[in-house]
Amino acid sequence: MNQLHIERCLPDGFLAAALRADAQAGLTAVPKTLPPKWFYDERGSELFEKITLLPEYYPTRAERSILAAAAPGIAAATGASALVELGSGSSEKTRLLLDALRDAGSLRSYVPVDVSESALIGAAHRVLASYPGLTVNAVVSDFEARLGLPAPDGPRLVAFLGSTIGNLLPPERAAFLARLRAGLREDDALLLGTDLVKDPAVLLDAYDDAAGVTAAFNKNVLAVLNAELGADFDPDAFDHMAVWDPQAEWIEMRLRSAEDQVVHLPGIGLTVQFGAGEQLRTEVSAKFRRDGVAAELAAAGFAMRSWWTDEQGRFALSLSVPA
């Protein structure tokens, strides 16, 4: 019989307080910044799903192709009884792993972890409909701050896909990986998705598509601030930018003020001035090299066991175990 359990690791009001704190800190910083987590209200999630289908946006297709080829070997190597997915979203790619673990005979539970309870419940019901007898333990959590994982009854495979780890700055990545390692047992494993360094033109196209979907996604953070903090941002007064930083080897998404303007955020009692041409950084998306990924994992207490890329070498999955 299918079972769905929901564990809530966030205190009441956590997200609202986090948004207020991030907006206050980021909009008073020099230069101004906002974390990318605030793109994802309902419209932001819909826009991102559209981005994953764009011809310019290769990461989703590349990662899926790797999973299609490597999933049986991953299942055999880990013998995982529980698949834990961090930042689960729609959980579509995860079906390749669920199928492989089921076919290997080890799968007993699926643990999607996401900050959005509604997204979790939707994903959980879709998975339950396809996997009779599976237990789903959905965890409402912010993986950066309050990552709570159910006590295991066997080996766990923790999947952190989509190169979401690239949205963290290097010190944040180090802290996250160390916290994750501290919560794992010796028979657990980590499957990590990382977008790779490549021709900057390919990267820039992926973050500034011809149809303007990424631009709308970027500006959606302003709509979130308007809705949640009573702000009066005019999205049309900002232009979308994607910039490659060759030293840091990451893409930055920014919003550039088209004019001198003043924005009010009554929800936090803040008034912000933007000069014409001033930029607000909304996302960092780091690109990786194999040696760098292995070194970051090792520093956190992991040992990389396997590394796969798609045929064009654009994206990588790595399988690591506690060292």
Protein backbone atom coordinates (compact mmCIF):
# COMPACT_ATOMS: atom_id res chain seq x y z
CA MET A 1 0.00 0.00 0.00
CA ASN A 2 1.30 3.46 -0.90
CA GLN A 3 2.14 5.75 1.98
CA LEU A 4 2.78 9.50 2.10
CA HIS A 5 4.32 11.16 5.14
CA ILE A 6 5.11 14.87 5.39
CA GLU A 7 7.78 16.18 7.75
CA ARG A 8 7.93 19.94 8.26
CA CYS A 9 11.39 21.15 9.34
CA LEU A 10 10.70 24.87 8.99
CA PRO A 11 9.14 26.91 11.82
CA ASP A 12 6.02 28.95 11.14
CA GLY A 13 6.90 32.12 9.28
CA PHE A 14 10.39 30.92 8.32
CA LEU A 15 10.15 31.78 4.63
CA ALA A 16 8.55 35.18 5.19
CA ALA A 17 11.25 36.08 7.71
CA ALA A 18 13.99 34.82 5.39
CA LEU A 19 12.67 36.89 2.49
CA ARG A 20 12.53 40.02 4.64
CA ALA A 21 16.09 39.44 5.86
CA ASP A 22 17.46 38.73 2.38
CA ALA A 23 15.75 41.76 0.85
CA GLN A 24 16.95 44.06 3.63
CA ALA A 25 20.53 42.82 3.43
CA GLY A 26 20.76 42.48 -0.34
CA LEU A 27 19.13 45.75 -1.38
CA THR A 28 21.26 47.77 1.02
CA ALA A 29 24.49 46.06 -0.06
CA VAL A 30 26.97 47.47 -2.55
CA PRO A 31 26.52 46.13 -5.16
CA LYS A 32 22.90 45.10 -4.64
CA THR A 33 22.10 41.35 -4.62
CA LEU A 34 19.23 38.95 -4.07
CA PRO A 35 19.44 35.14 -3.64
CA PRO A 36 18.01 33.09 -6.54
CA LYS A 37 15.70 31.12 -4.24
CA TRP A 38 13.18 33.98 -4.48
CA PHE A 39 12.54 33.42 -8.19
CA TYR A 40 10.34 30.47 -7.35
CA ASP A 41 6.78 31.40 -6.61
CA GLU A 42 4.17 29.57 -8.72
CA ARG A 43 4.83 31.69 -11.79
CA GLY A 44 8.59 31.46 -11.32
CA SER A 45 8.42 27.67 -11.17
CA GLU A 46 6.31 27.60 -14.34
CA LEU A 47 8.80 29.86 -16.13
CA PHE A 48 11.72 27.69 -15.08
CA GLU A 49 9.98 24.60 -16.45
CA LYS A 50 9.66 26.48 -19.75
CA ILE A 51 13.36 27.36 -19.62
CA THR A 52 14.28 23.68 -19.35
CA LEU A 53 12.56 23.08 -22.70
CA LEU A 54 14.30 25.90 -24.58
CA PRO A 55 16.74 24.94 -27.36
CA GLU A 56 19.45 27.11 -25.79
CA TYR A 57 19.12 25.57 -22.33
CA TYR A 58 21.11 22.33 -22.55
CA PRO A 59 21.64 21.35 -18.84
CA THR A 60 18.34 19.55 -18.30
CA ARG A 61 18.62 17.47 -21.48
CA ALA A 62 22.29 16.74 -20.89
CA GLU A 63 21.73 15.60 -17.32
CA ARG A 64 18.77 13.46 -18.33
CA SER A 65 20.87 11.73 -21.00
CA ILE A 66 23.52 10.87 -18.42
CA LEU A 67 20.92 9.52 -16.00
CA ALA A 68 19.34 7.40 -18.71
CA ALA A 69 22.68 5.69 -19.33
CA ALA A 70 24.10 5.58 -15.82
CA ALA A 71 21.08 4.93 -13.57
CA PRO A 72 21.33 1.11 -13.58
CA GLY A 73 25.00 1.28 -12.61
CA ILE A 74 24.24 3.84 -9.89
CA ALA A 75 21.57 1.57 -8.47
CA ALA A 76 23.91 -1.43 -8.50
CA ALA A 77 26.76 0.52 -6.90
CA THR A 78 24.70 2.00 -4.07
CA GLY A 79 22.09 -0.67 -3.30
CA ALA A 80 20.04 2.23 -1.96
CA SER A 81 16.73 1.50 -0.29
CA ALA A 82 15.89 5.24 -0.08
CA LEU A 83 16.30 7.87 -2.76
CA VAL A 84 16.61 11.34 -1.23
CA GLU A 85 16.23 14.23 -3.67
CA LEU A 86 17.26 17.71 -2.56
CA GLY A 87 15.33 20.53 -4.17
CA SER A 88 13.01 18.02 -5.73
CA GLY A 89 10.78 20.36 -7.71
CA SER A 90 8.80 18.30 -10.19
CA SER A 91 10.87 15.12 -9.63
CA GLU A 92 10.66 14.16 -13.30
CA LYS A 93 14.34 13.28 -13.85
CA THR A 94 14.31 11.32 -10.63
CA ARG A 95 12.03 8.71 -12.18
CA LEU A 96 15.06 7.34 -14.02
CA LEU A 97 16.72 6.68 -10.66
CA LEU A 98 13.53 5.36 -9.08
CA ASP A 99 13.09 2.95 -11.99
CA ALA A 100 16.66 1.72 -11.71
CA LEU A 101 16.46 1.20 -7.94
CA ARG A 102 13.11 -0.53 -8.27
CA ASP A 103 14.40 -2.79 -11.01
CA ALA A 104 17.43 -3.63 -8.83
CA GLY A 105 15.04 -4.68 -6.07
CA SER A 106 16.35 -2.34 -3.36
CA LEU A 107 13.93 0.62 -3.48
CA ARG A 108 11.63 1.07 -0.49
CA SER A 109 11.20 4.82 -0.04
CA TYR A 110 11.50 8.17 -1.80
CA VAL A 111 12.37 11.30 0.17
CA PRO A 112 11.78 14.53 -1.78
CA VAL A 113 13.11 17.61 0.01
CA ASP A 114 11.92 21.05 -1.04
CA VAL A 115 11.09 24.44 0.46
CA SER A 116 7.68 24.45 -1.25
CA GLU A 117 5.15 22.17 0.43
CA SER A 118 2.72 22.46 -2.48
CA ALA A 119 5.43 21.41 -4.96
CA LEU A 120 6.38 18.50 -2.70
CA ILE A 121 2.84 17.22 -2.36
CA GLY A 122 2.23 17.46 -6.11
CA ALA A 123 5.44 15.58 -6.87
CA ALA A 124 4.74 13.00 -4.18
CA HIS A 125 1.31 12.16 -5.56
CA ARG A 126 2.67 11.81 -9.10
CA VAL A 127 5.37 9.44 -7.86
CA LEU A 128 2.94 7.42 -5.73
CA ALA A 129 0.66 6.94 -8.71
CA SER A 130 3.52 5.35 -10.67
CA TYR A 131 5.21 3.24 -7.97
CA PRO A 132 2.82 0.91 -6.12
CA GLY A 133 4.00 0.02 -2.64
CA LEU A 134 6.47 2.89 -2.38
CA THR A 135 6.67 4.99 0.78
CA VAL A 136 7.15 8.72 0.21
CA ASN A 137 8.56 10.75 3.10
CA ALA A 138 8.28 14.35 1.93
CA VAL A 139 10.42 16.86 3.84
CA VAL A 140 9.60 20.57 3.83
CA SER A 141 13.03 22.10 4.36
CA ASP A 142 15.48 24.75 3.27
CA PHE A 143 18.54 22.66 2.42
CA GLU A 144 20.85 25.59 3.11
CA ALA A 145 19.58 26.21 6.64
CA ARG A 146 17.49 23.35 8.00
CA LEU A 147 18.17 20.11 6.17
CA GLY A 148 16.34 17.36 8.02
CA LEU A 149 16.42 13.84 6.67
CA PRO A 150 14.36 10.93 8.03
CA ALA A 151 16.26 8.24 9.91
CA PRO A 152 17.37 5.64 7.38
CA ASP A 153 16.36 2.00 7.38
CA GLY A 154 19.04 1.16 4.83
CA PRO A 155 21.49 2.81 2.45
CA ARG A 156 20.43 6.21 1.10
CA LEU A 157 21.24 7.74 -2.26
CA VAL A 158 21.12 11.54 -1.92
CA ALA A 159 20.60 13.19 -5.32
CA PHE A 160 21.35 16.89 -5.75
CA LEU A 161 20.70 17.43 -9.44
CA GLY A 162 20.43 20.26 -11.95
CA SER A 163 23.71 21.90 -10.86
CA THR A 164 21.75 23.74 -8.18
CA ILE A 165 24.93 23.59 -6.12
CA GLY A 166 26.33 26.16 -8.56
CA ASN A 167 23.93 28.75 -7.16
CA LEU A 168 25.91 28.71 -3.91
CA LEU A 169 29.04 30.80 -3.50
CA PRO A 170 32.19 28.79 -2.73
CA PRO A 171 32.02 29.28 1.09
CA GLU A 172 28.32 28.37 1.00
CA ARG A 173 29.06 25.24 -1.04
CA ALA A 174 31.73 24.18 1.43
CA ALA A 175 29.39 24.68 4.40
CA PHE A 176 26.52 22.88 2.68
CA LEU A 177 28.60 19.85 1.68
CA ALA A 178 30.08 19.60 5.19
CA ARG A 179 26.60 19.70 6.77
CA LEU A 180 25.37 17.08 4.34
CA ARG A 181 28.35 14.82 5.02
CA ALA A 182 27.77 15.13 8.77
CA GLY A 183 24.25 13.76 8.33
CA LEU A 184 25.19 10.72 6.24
CA ARG A 185 26.20 7.23 7.25
CA GLU A 186 29.03 5.18 5.79
CA ASP A 187 26.71 3.23 3.47
CA ASP A 188 25.06 6.35 2.01
CA ALA A 189 26.09 8.00 -1.27
CA LEU A 190 25.80 11.39 -2.97
CA LEU A 191 24.87 11.87 -6.62
CA LEU A 192 25.79 15.42 -7.63
CA GLY A 193 24.93 17.26 -10.84
CA THR A 194 27.40 19.92 -12.01
CA ASP A 195 27.34 22.07 -15.12
CA LEU A 196 30.78 22.24 -16.71
CA VAL A 197 32.99 25.09 -17.96
CA LYS A 198 32.58 25.50 -21.72
CA ASP A 199 32.46 28.07 -24.51
CA PRO A 200 31.11 31.28 -22.92
CA ALA A 201 28.87 31.86 -25.94
CA VAL A 202 27.03 28.61 -25.22
CA LEU A 203 26.66 29.57 -21.58
CA LEU A 204 25.43 33.08 -22.31
CA ASP A 205 22.82 31.79 -24.77
CA ALA A 206 21.55 29.39 -22.12
CA TYR A 207 20.91 32.29 -19.73
CA ASP A 208 19.66 34.83 -22.27
CA ASP A 209 17.40 32.95 -24.68
CA ALA A 210 15.98 34.46 -27.84
CA ALA A 211 12.37 34.02 -26.68
CA GLY A 212 12.94 36.07 -23.53
CA VAL A 213 11.76 33.37 -21.12
CA THR A 214 14.85 33.70 -18.93
CA ALA A 215 14.41 37.47 -18.86
CA ALA A 216 10.85 37.02 -17.58
CA PHE A 217 12.10 34.49 -15.01
CA ASN A 218 14.78 36.91 -13.82
CA LYS A 219 12.30 39.77 -13.45
CA ASN A 220 9.91 37.50 -11.54
CA VAL A 221 11.94 38.11 -8.39
CA LEU A 222 10.66 41.70 -8.51
CA ALA A 223 7.08 40.43 -8.72
CA VAL A 224 7.74 38.28 -5.64
CA LEU A 225 8.98 41.31 -3.70
CA ASN A 226 5.95 43.28 -4.85
CA ALA A 227 3.56 40.55 -3.73
CA GLU A 228 5.22 39.63 -0.44
CA LEU A 229 6.62 42.97 0.75
CA GLY A 230 4.22 45.44 -0.87
CA ALA A 231 7.06 46.78 -3.03
CA ASP A 232 6.47 48.92 -6.10
CA PHE A 233 9.10 47.57 -8.48
CA ASP A 234 8.27 48.17 -12.14
CA PRO A 235 9.73 45.15 -13.95
CA ASP A 236 9.65 47.07 -17.23
CA ALA A 237 12.11 49.55 -15.72
CA PHE A 238 14.78 46.83 -15.53
CA ASP A 239 16.66 44.97 -18.25
CA HIS A 240 17.78 41.35 -18.01
CA MET A 241 21.52 40.66 -18.24
CA ALA A 242 23.64 37.50 -18.30
CA VAL A 243 27.38 37.98 -17.73
CA TRP A 244 30.25 35.46 -17.81
CA ASP A 245 32.94 35.97 -15.16
CA PRO A 246 36.05 34.18 -16.51
CA GLN A 247 37.97 34.46 -13.23
CA ALA A 248 35.26 33.00 -11.01
CA GLU A 249 34.04 30.74 -13.86
CA TRP A 250 30.41 31.48 -13.27
CA ILE A 251 27.45 33.12 -14.98
CA GLU A 252 25.80 36.02 -13.21
CA MET A 253 22.22 37.00 -13.90
CA ARG A 254 21.56 40.63 -13.21
CA LEU A 255 18.82 43.20 -13.54
CA ARG A 256 19.97 46.61 -14.81
CA SER A 257 17.97 49.70 -13.94
CA ALA A 258 16.97 51.47 -17.15
CA GLU A 259 16.62 54.83 -15.38
CA ASP A 260 17.08 56.65 -12.11
CA GLN A 261 14.32 55.35 -9.87
CA VAL A 262 13.19 54.96 -6.28
CA VAL A 263 11.55 51.77 -5.05
CA HIS A 264 9.57 51.44 -1.82
CA LEU A 265 9.32 48.21 0.18
CA PRO A 266 6.84 48.98 2.98
CA GLY A 267 6.95 45.38 4.21
CA ILE A 268 10.43 46.03 5.56
CA GLY A 269 10.27 49.82 5.86
CA LEU A 270 12.90 50.29 3.16
CA THR A 271 13.29 52.81 0.35
CA VAL A 272 15.89 51.96 -2.28
CA GLN A 273 17.42 54.20 -4.93
CA PHE A 274 18.65 52.82 -8.25
CA GLY A 275 20.80 54.86 -10.55
CA ALA A 276 20.41 54.53 -14.31
CA GLY A 277 22.51 51.53 -15.33
CA GLU A 278 22.87 50.24 -11.76
CA GLN A 279 22.80 46.45 -11.56
CA LEU A 280 21.17 44.05 -9.12
CA ARG A 281 22.70 40.55 -9.08
CA THR A 282 20.00 37.90 -8.81
CA GLU A 283 21.91 34.68 -9.43
CA VAL A 284 25.35 33.15 -9.60
CA SER A 285 25.59 29.89 -11.54
CA ALA A 286 29.05 28.39 -11.13
CA LYS A 287 30.49 26.10 -13.79
CA PHE A 288 32.80 23.30 -12.75
CA ARG A 289 35.80 21.19 -13.72
CA ARG A 290 36.28 17.59 -12.61
CA ASP A 291 39.33 18.27 -10.45
CA GLY A 292 37.56 21.14 -8.70
CA VAL A 293 34.47 19.07 -7.94
CA ALA A 294 36.60 16.24 -6.54
CA ALA A 295 38.56 18.69 -4.39
CA GLU A 296 35.43 20.36 -2.96
CA LEU A 297 33.92 16.98 -2.18
CA ALA A 298 37.13 15.76 -0.54
CA ALA A 299 37.32 18.88 1.62
CA ALA A 300 33.85 18.06 2.94
CA GLY A 301 34.69 14.41 3.68
CA PHE A 302 33.54 12.69 0.49
CA ALA A 303 35.45 10.46 -1.91
CA MET A 304 34.39 10.59 -5.57
CA ARG A 305 33.88 7.09 -6.97
CA SER A 306 32.43 7.72 -10.44
CA TRP A 307 32.15 10.57 -12.96
CA TRP A 308 29.94 10.69 -16.04
CA THR A 309 29.38 13.34 -18.70
CA ASP A 310 27.03 13.64 -21.64
CA GLU A 311 28.44 12.97 -25.11
CA GLN A 312 29.35 16.62 -25.66
CA GLY A 313 31.02 17.05 -22.27
CA ARG A 314 28.67 19.81 -21.22
CA PHE A 315 27.38 18.44 -17.92
CA ALA A 316 28.54 15.91 -15.33
CA LEU A 317 27.17 13.62 -12.67
CA SER A 318 29.45 12.33 -9.93
CA LEU A 319 28.84 9.59 -7.39
CA SER A 320 30.63 9.99 -4.06
CA VAL A 321 30.66 8.20 -0.72
CA PRO A 322 31.69 9.27 2.79
CA ALA A 323 35.47 9.08 3.03
